[in-house]
Amino acid sequence: MKILLIGCTGFIGKELIPKLIDEKNELFVISRKNINELNLDISLEKINFLKIDLSKEKSWSDQNLINYLNKTEAIINLAGEPIADKRWTEKQKKEIESSRIDTTTFLMQNLKKLKITPKVIISASAIGYYGTSPDIEFKESDPQGNDFLAKLCAKWELAAMQKPFFTRIVIFRIGIVLEADGGALGKMLPIFKIGLGGPIGDGNQWMSWIHRSDLCSLIITSLKNNKFKGIYNAVAPQPIKMKEFSNILAKCLKRPNLFPVPGYILNSLLGDSSQLVLKGQKVKCTSIDNSIFKFKYPLLENAIYAVTKK
C-alpha cells in the first residue's frame, strides 16, 4: 500500500514506520524536521521524504507534495506540536492548535481540490477530548469536556471529519503512550532507576495508557480492516491510578517508591500544562472489537515489565 505519513517522525513513528516497511508498504513521509534529525531505526533510503510545514497554506502548492498525494492510497495523520514539552503560553497554545487543526484542515481541503480519494485516513486525537475527572469513566460516546485540550481535540476531530466522501475515516483518541525511549515513561524511568521515584501529585489521578507496540499494531490493523470506521479510544483495557502505576514501575525495576513529586512543584515549572500529569481521566476502549484486535499488553504490569527488561 502507498501510505502518506504526516507527523509520524517522533516517538510513535519510531516504531510505526519500521513496522509499515516490514509489511512492504511504500511510504511518503512528511515532516517539519530535516531528514538528518529523524530518530528512526531504518535506512532512510527505504522512505520517500519531504521536509515541509503542512500547517502553512502555501506549503500545499509544493509539486513534490502534490505528486505524493496523487499516489497515496492511505494517510496516517499524527501531526502536532508536542503538548507536554513546554509551558502553555498563548504563543505555545496557538502552535499546538495550528500544528493539528490547520494541518488537518488543509489536508482535507486539498484532497477535495485535487479530487483525491484515499481508501482510508487514520487521524490522531487524544483522550484529552473528555476533560478530566477523578471518578467518571469515559467511553467513545461521551461528550467533550470544557478545558483547553478538550476544545482542541473537538476542533481537531471536526477537521478530520471533513474528509472526501468515499474515504473511510478512523480517529484514535490516544492515551498515555508507554515505551522506554520517550513519552511520560521515558521521563520517569531515569528517576526511578536511581531510586528516587514516586507518584506524581496525590497519586489518585487516573492514567489511561497504551503500550506503543499496541498503538502501532492498532493503527496498522485499522489500515487493513474495513470494519474500523469512526472514533476509538486508543487505550489499554485497564486504566490505573498514578500511585499504582508508580508501585508497579518500582516493583519491575526493583527500586523504592518513596519520593512523591508534589503538585505545586509541577505547577510552578509547567503552569497550566501540569494538568496533563496532575489530573487524569478514566477512559475505556468500548468500541474496539476483541475479535478484530487483541492487545499484546492489556495489563500494565506486563507492559512495564516488557519496557524495563529490554
Protein backbone atom coordinates (compact mmCIF):
# COMPACT_ATOMS: atom_id res chain seq x y z
CA MET A 1 0.00 0.00 0.00
CA LYS A 2 1.18 3.55 -0.74
CA ILE A 3 0.87 5.49 2.52
CA LEU A 4 1.35 9.20 3.23
CA LEU A 5 2.57 9.78 6.79
CA ILE A 6 2.21 13.21 8.40
CA GLY A 7 3.75 13.89 11.81
CA CYS A 8 5.00 10.31 12.13
CA THR A 9 8.68 11.05 12.74
CA GLY A 10 8.61 11.29 16.52
CA PHE A 11 8.02 8.95 19.44
CA ILE A 12 5.24 6.90 17.80
CA GLY A 13 6.72 6.98 14.30
CA LYS A 14 9.98 5.49 15.57
CA GLU A 15 8.18 2.15 15.87
CA LEU A 16 5.35 2.65 13.38
CA ILE A 17 7.48 3.38 10.30
CA PRO A 18 9.70 0.26 10.60
CA LYS A 19 6.59 -1.89 11.07
CA LEU A 20 4.99 -0.41 7.95
CA ILE A 21 8.20 -1.01 5.98
CA ASP A 22 8.32 -4.63 7.18
CA GLU A 23 4.85 -5.09 5.69
CA LYS A 24 6.18 -3.95 2.27
CA ASN A 25 4.33 -0.64 2.15
CA GLU A 26 5.65 2.30 0.15
CA LEU A 27 5.91 5.31 2.47
CA PHE A 28 5.78 9.04 1.73
CA VAL A 29 6.95 10.71 4.95
CA ILE A 30 6.25 14.40 5.57
CA SER A 31 7.97 16.22 8.43
CA ARG A 32 8.95 19.68 9.65
CA LYS A 33 12.32 18.18 10.65
CA ASN A 34 15.38 17.79 8.46
CA ILE A 35 15.98 14.23 7.33
CA ASN A 36 19.20 14.01 9.38
CA GLU A 37 17.19 14.89 12.53
CA LEU A 38 14.87 11.90 12.23
CA ASN A 39 15.25 9.42 15.07
CA LEU A 40 14.27 6.37 13.03
CA ASP A 41 15.96 2.97 13.23
CA ILE A 42 15.81 2.39 9.48
CA SER A 43 17.79 3.10 6.35
CA LEU A 44 16.39 6.39 5.10
CA GLU A 45 16.64 5.04 1.56
CA LYS A 46 13.55 2.97 2.38
CA ILE A 47 11.26 6.01 2.58
CA ASN A 48 10.29 8.90 0.33
CA PHE A 49 10.86 12.03 2.41
CA LEU A 50 9.76 15.66 2.16
CA LYS A 51 10.59 18.40 4.66
CA ILE A 52 7.70 20.86 4.73
CA ASP A 53 5.38 22.52 7.26
CA LEU A 54 1.84 21.49 6.37
CA SER A 55 0.28 23.92 8.86
CA LYS A 56 1.17 26.68 6.36
CA GLU A 57 -1.29 27.06 3.49
CA LYS A 58 1.40 27.93 0.93
CA SER A 59 3.10 24.55 1.53
CA TRP A 60 0.22 22.78 -0.21
CA SER A 61 1.26 24.16 -3.61
CA ASP A 62 4.56 22.24 -3.45
CA GLN A 63 4.72 19.98 -6.51
CA ASN A 64 6.53 17.16 -4.70
CA LEU A 65 3.75 17.09 -2.11
CA ILE A 66 1.09 17.06 -4.83
CA ASN A 67 2.88 14.16 -6.52
CA TYR A 68 2.86 12.23 -3.23
CA LEU A 69 -0.83 12.95 -2.71
CA ASN A 70 -1.71 11.71 -6.19
CA LYS A 71 -0.02 8.37 -5.47
CA THR A 72 -1.47 7.95 -1.99
CA GLU A 73 -3.85 5.11 -1.09
CA ALA A 74 -3.91 5.76 2.66
CA ILE A 75 -2.95 8.58 5.03
CA ILE A 76 -1.81 8.47 8.64
CA ASN A 77 -2.00 11.93 10.22
CA LEU A 78 -0.35 12.21 13.64
CA ALA A 79 0.76 15.82 13.18
CA GLY A 80 1.07 18.01 16.24
CA GLU A 81 3.45 20.12 18.28
CA PRO A 82 4.31 18.18 21.50
CA ILE A 83 1.82 19.13 24.20
CA ALA A 84 3.78 18.44 27.39
CA ASP A 85 7.24 19.75 26.50
CA LYS A 86 6.71 23.45 27.20
CA ARG A 87 4.72 25.85 29.37
CA TRP A 88 1.40 26.77 27.76
CA THR A 89 1.97 30.40 26.87
CA GLU A 90 -0.55 31.94 24.49
CA LYS A 91 2.02 31.58 21.71
CA GLN A 92 2.55 27.91 22.52
CA LYS A 93 -1.19 27.23 22.63
CA LYS A 94 -1.53 28.72 19.14
CA GLU A 95 1.28 26.49 17.88
CA ILE A 96 -0.32 23.41 19.48
CA GLU A 97 -3.62 24.27 17.77
CA SER A 98 -2.21 25.27 14.39
CA SER A 99 0.02 22.22 14.02
CA ARG A 100 -3.03 19.98 14.46
CA ILE A 101 -6.10 21.83 13.24
CA ASP A 102 -4.62 23.82 10.35
CA THR A 103 -2.64 20.83 9.08
CA THR A 104 -5.71 18.59 9.14
CA THR A 105 -7.97 21.28 7.63
CA PHE A 106 -5.58 21.96 4.74
CA LEU A 107 -5.18 18.22 4.15
CA MET A 108 -8.89 17.67 3.69
CA GLN A 109 -9.34 20.83 1.60
CA ASN A 110 -6.56 19.86 -0.79
CA LEU A 111 -7.67 16.25 -1.17
CA LYS A 112 -11.05 17.56 -2.33
CA LYS A 113 -9.48 20.26 -4.51
CA LEU A 114 -7.27 17.69 -6.25
CA LYS A 115 -10.14 15.17 -6.40
CA ILE A 116 -8.09 12.58 -4.49
CA THR A 117 -9.99 9.94 -2.53
CA PRO A 118 -7.71 7.78 -0.36
CA LYS A 119 -9.14 4.45 0.75
CA VAL A 120 -8.61 5.34 4.39
CA ILE A 121 -7.37 8.17 6.61
CA ILE A 122 -6.15 7.46 10.14
CA SER A 123 -6.19 10.67 12.17
CA ALA A 124 -4.98 11.24 15.72
CA SER A 125 -6.86 12.84 18.56
CA ALA A 126 -6.39 12.38 22.30
CA ILE A 127 -8.28 11.30 25.41
CA GLY A 128 -8.00 14.92 26.50
CA TYR A 129 -11.24 15.22 24.50
CA TYR A 130 -13.17 14.23 27.63
CA GLY A 131 -11.61 16.70 30.02
CA THR A 132 -10.52 15.40 33.42
CA SER A 133 -12.39 13.69 36.24
CA PRO A 134 -11.44 11.77 39.41
CA ASP A 135 -14.29 9.28 39.10
CA ILE A 136 -16.22 9.38 35.78
CA GLU A 137 -15.49 6.50 33.37
CA PHE A 138 -15.44 7.81 29.80
CA LYS A 139 -16.34 5.88 26.65
CA GLU A 140 -16.36 6.94 22.99
CA SER A 141 -19.97 8.18 23.03
CA ASP A 142 -19.43 10.60 25.93
CA PRO A 143 -19.42 14.37 25.26
CA GLN A 144 -16.32 16.55 25.16
CA GLY A 145 -15.03 18.40 28.21
CA ASN A 146 -14.59 22.15 28.55
CA ASP A 147 -10.87 22.75 29.08
CA PHE A 148 -8.23 23.76 26.53
CA LEU A 149 -7.34 20.21 25.48
CA ALA A 150 -10.95 19.11 25.18
CA LYS A 151 -11.80 22.02 22.89
CA LEU A 152 -8.61 21.43 20.90
CA CYS A 153 -9.45 17.74 20.35
CA ALA A 154 -13.02 18.54 19.32
CA LYS A 155 -11.80 21.01 16.66
CA TRP A 156 -9.13 18.54 15.53
CA GLU A 157 -11.68 15.74 15.08
CA LEU A 158 -14.13 18.03 13.29
CA ALA A 159 -11.39 18.98 10.82
CA ALA A 160 -10.66 15.28 10.17
CA MET A 161 -14.33 14.55 9.54
CA GLN A 162 -14.26 16.88 6.51
CA LYS A 163 -12.61 14.07 4.53
CA PRO A 164 -13.55 13.10 0.96
CA PHE A 165 -16.98 11.50 0.90
CA PHE A 166 -15.94 7.96 -0.01
CA THR A 167 -12.85 7.84 2.22
CA ARG A 168 -13.05 5.70 5.35
CA ILE A 169 -12.01 7.74 8.41
CA VAL A 170 -10.62 6.32 11.65
CA ILE A 171 -9.91 8.67 14.57
CA PHE A 172 -7.93 7.41 17.53
CA ARG A 173 -8.22 9.26 20.84
CA ILE A 174 -4.79 8.28 22.07
CA GLY A 175 -3.98 7.78 25.75
CA ILE A 176 -0.61 7.92 27.53
CA VAL A 177 1.76 6.03 25.24
CA LEU A 178 4.33 3.88 27.04
CA GLU A 179 7.83 2.95 25.90
CA ALA A 180 11.28 3.48 27.37
CA ASP A 181 12.63 5.89 24.74
CA GLY A 182 10.12 8.72 25.10
CA GLY A 183 6.81 9.99 26.41
CA ALA A 184 5.89 10.09 30.09
CA LEU A 185 7.57 6.78 30.93
CA GLY A 186 10.80 7.82 29.23
CA LYS A 187 10.98 10.80 31.60
CA MET A 188 10.15 8.76 34.70
CA LEU A 189 12.48 5.79 34.14
CA PRO A 190 15.82 7.53 34.88
CA ILE A 191 14.48 8.88 38.19
CA PHE A 192 13.12 5.50 39.27
CA LYS A 193 16.30 3.69 38.21
CA ILE A 194 18.40 5.72 40.65
CA GLY A 195 15.94 5.05 43.46
CA LEU A 196 14.33 8.50 43.65
CA GLY A 197 10.98 7.68 42.09
CA GLY A 198 7.49 8.13 43.44
CA PRO A 199 3.95 9.07 42.43
CA ILE A 200 3.22 12.46 40.89
CA GLY A 201 0.80 14.71 42.77
CA ASP A 202 -1.56 12.94 45.16
CA GLY A 203 -1.36 9.71 43.16
CA ASN A 204 -5.13 9.40 42.81
CA GLN A 205 -5.37 10.66 39.22
CA TRP A 206 -6.28 8.09 36.57
CA MET A 207 -3.84 7.07 33.85
CA SER A 208 -5.39 5.68 30.69
CA TRP A 209 -2.41 4.21 28.88
CA ILE A 210 -1.37 2.11 25.89
CA HIS A 211 1.92 0.41 25.06
CA ARG A 212 3.45 1.89 21.90
CA SER A 213 3.59 -1.53 20.21
CA ASP A 214 -0.16 -1.96 20.71
CA LEU A 215 -0.86 1.53 19.37
CA CYS A 216 1.20 0.87 16.24
CA SER A 217 -0.50 -2.51 15.74
CA LEU A 218 -3.90 -0.87 16.20
CA ILE A 219 -3.09 1.74 13.53
CA ILE A 220 -1.86 -0.91 11.08
CA THR A 221 -4.87 -3.15 11.72
CA SER A 222 -7.24 -0.25 11.08
CA LEU A 223 -5.46 0.48 7.79
CA LYS A 224 -6.20 -3.01 6.52
CA ASN A 225 -9.54 -3.81 8.12
CA ASN A 226 -12.58 -2.01 6.71
CA LYS A 227 -14.55 -2.72 9.88
CA PHE A 228 -12.61 0.07 11.58
CA LYS A 229 -14.60 3.24 11.00
CA GLY A 230 -15.25 6.24 13.24
CA ILE A 231 -13.84 7.10 16.65
CA TYR A 232 -11.94 4.79 19.02
CA ASN A 233 -10.26 5.28 22.37
CA ALA A 234 -6.70 4.03 21.82
CA VAL A 235 -6.13 2.88 25.40
CA ALA A 236 -5.44 -0.49 27.02
CA PRO A 237 -8.45 -2.19 28.65
CA GLN A 238 -7.40 -1.45 32.24
CA PRO A 239 -6.72 2.19 33.26
CA ILE A 240 -4.84 2.59 36.51
CA LYS A 241 -4.23 5.23 39.18
CA MET A 242 -0.90 7.04 39.34
CA LYS A 243 0.03 5.58 42.75
CA GLU A 244 -0.50 2.04 41.40
CA PHE A 245 1.47 2.92 38.26
CA SER A 246 4.47 4.09 40.30
CA ASN A 247 4.24 0.99 42.53
CA ILE A 248 4.35 -1.31 39.51
CA LEU A 249 7.19 0.64 37.91
CA ALA A 250 9.24 0.48 41.12
CA LYS A 251 8.50 -3.24 41.52
CA CYS A 252 9.62 -4.06 37.95
CA LEU A 253 12.81 -2.05 38.43
CA LYS A 254 13.36 -3.42 41.97
CA ARG A 255 13.66 0.11 43.27
CA PRO A 256 11.87 2.05 46.06
CA ASN A 257 8.78 4.15 45.50
CA LEU A 258 9.31 6.68 48.26
CA PHE A 259 9.65 10.15 46.78
CA PRO A 260 6.39 11.68 45.54
CA VAL A 261 6.55 14.78 43.35
CA PRO A 262 4.29 17.47 44.91
CA GLY A 263 1.81 19.06 42.55
CA TYR A 264 2.85 22.60 43.40
CA ILE A 265 6.35 21.95 42.02
CA LEU A 266 4.96 20.89 38.65
CA ASN A 267 2.57 23.83 38.67
CA SER A 268 5.45 26.23 39.19
CA LEU A 269 7.51 24.61 36.43
CA LEU A 270 4.85 23.92 33.81
CA GLY A 271 1.88 26.18 34.58
CA ASP A 272 -1.39 25.03 33.00
CA SER A 273 0.26 22.13 31.16
CA SER A 274 0.89 20.44 34.53
CA GLN A 275 -2.74 19.27 34.39
CA LEU A 276 -1.57 16.60 31.94
CA VAL A 277 0.03 14.70 34.81
CA LEU A 278 -1.74 16.07 37.89
CA LYS A 279 -5.23 15.39 36.58
CA GLY A 280 -6.43 12.46 34.56
CA GLN A 281 -9.36 10.60 33.14
CA LYS A 282 -10.53 7.00 33.32
CA VAL A 283 -11.07 6.05 29.69
CA LYS A 284 -12.26 2.70 28.33
CA CYS A 285 -11.93 1.31 24.79
CA THR A 286 -15.50 0.08 24.41
CA SER A 287 -15.62 0.37 20.59
CA ILE A 288 -12.64 -1.89 19.81
CA ASP A 289 -13.92 -5.34 18.81
CA ASN A 290 -11.91 -8.05 20.58
CA SER A 291 -12.46 -10.39 17.63
CA ILE A 292 -10.65 -7.94 15.33
CA PHE A 293 -7.88 -6.66 17.59
CA LYS A 294 -6.27 -8.15 20.68
CA PHE A 295 -3.90 -6.16 22.89
CA LYS A 296 -0.46 -7.67 23.39
CA TYR A 297 -0.20 -5.70 26.64
CA PRO A 298 -3.67 -5.48 28.23
CA LEU A 299 -2.23 -5.20 31.75
CA LEU A 300 0.15 -2.50 32.94
CA GLU A 301 2.48 -4.91 34.76
CA ASN A 302 3.13 -6.81 31.52
CA ALA A 303 3.71 -3.57 29.61
CA ILE A 304 6.11 -2.13 32.20
CA TYR A 305 7.98 -5.42 32.50
CA ALA A 306 8.46 -5.54 28.72
CA VAL A 307 9.74 -1.97 28.68
CA THR A 308 12.12 -2.29 31.64
CA LYS A 309 13.65 -5.65 30.67
CA LYS A 310 14.92 -4.56 27.25
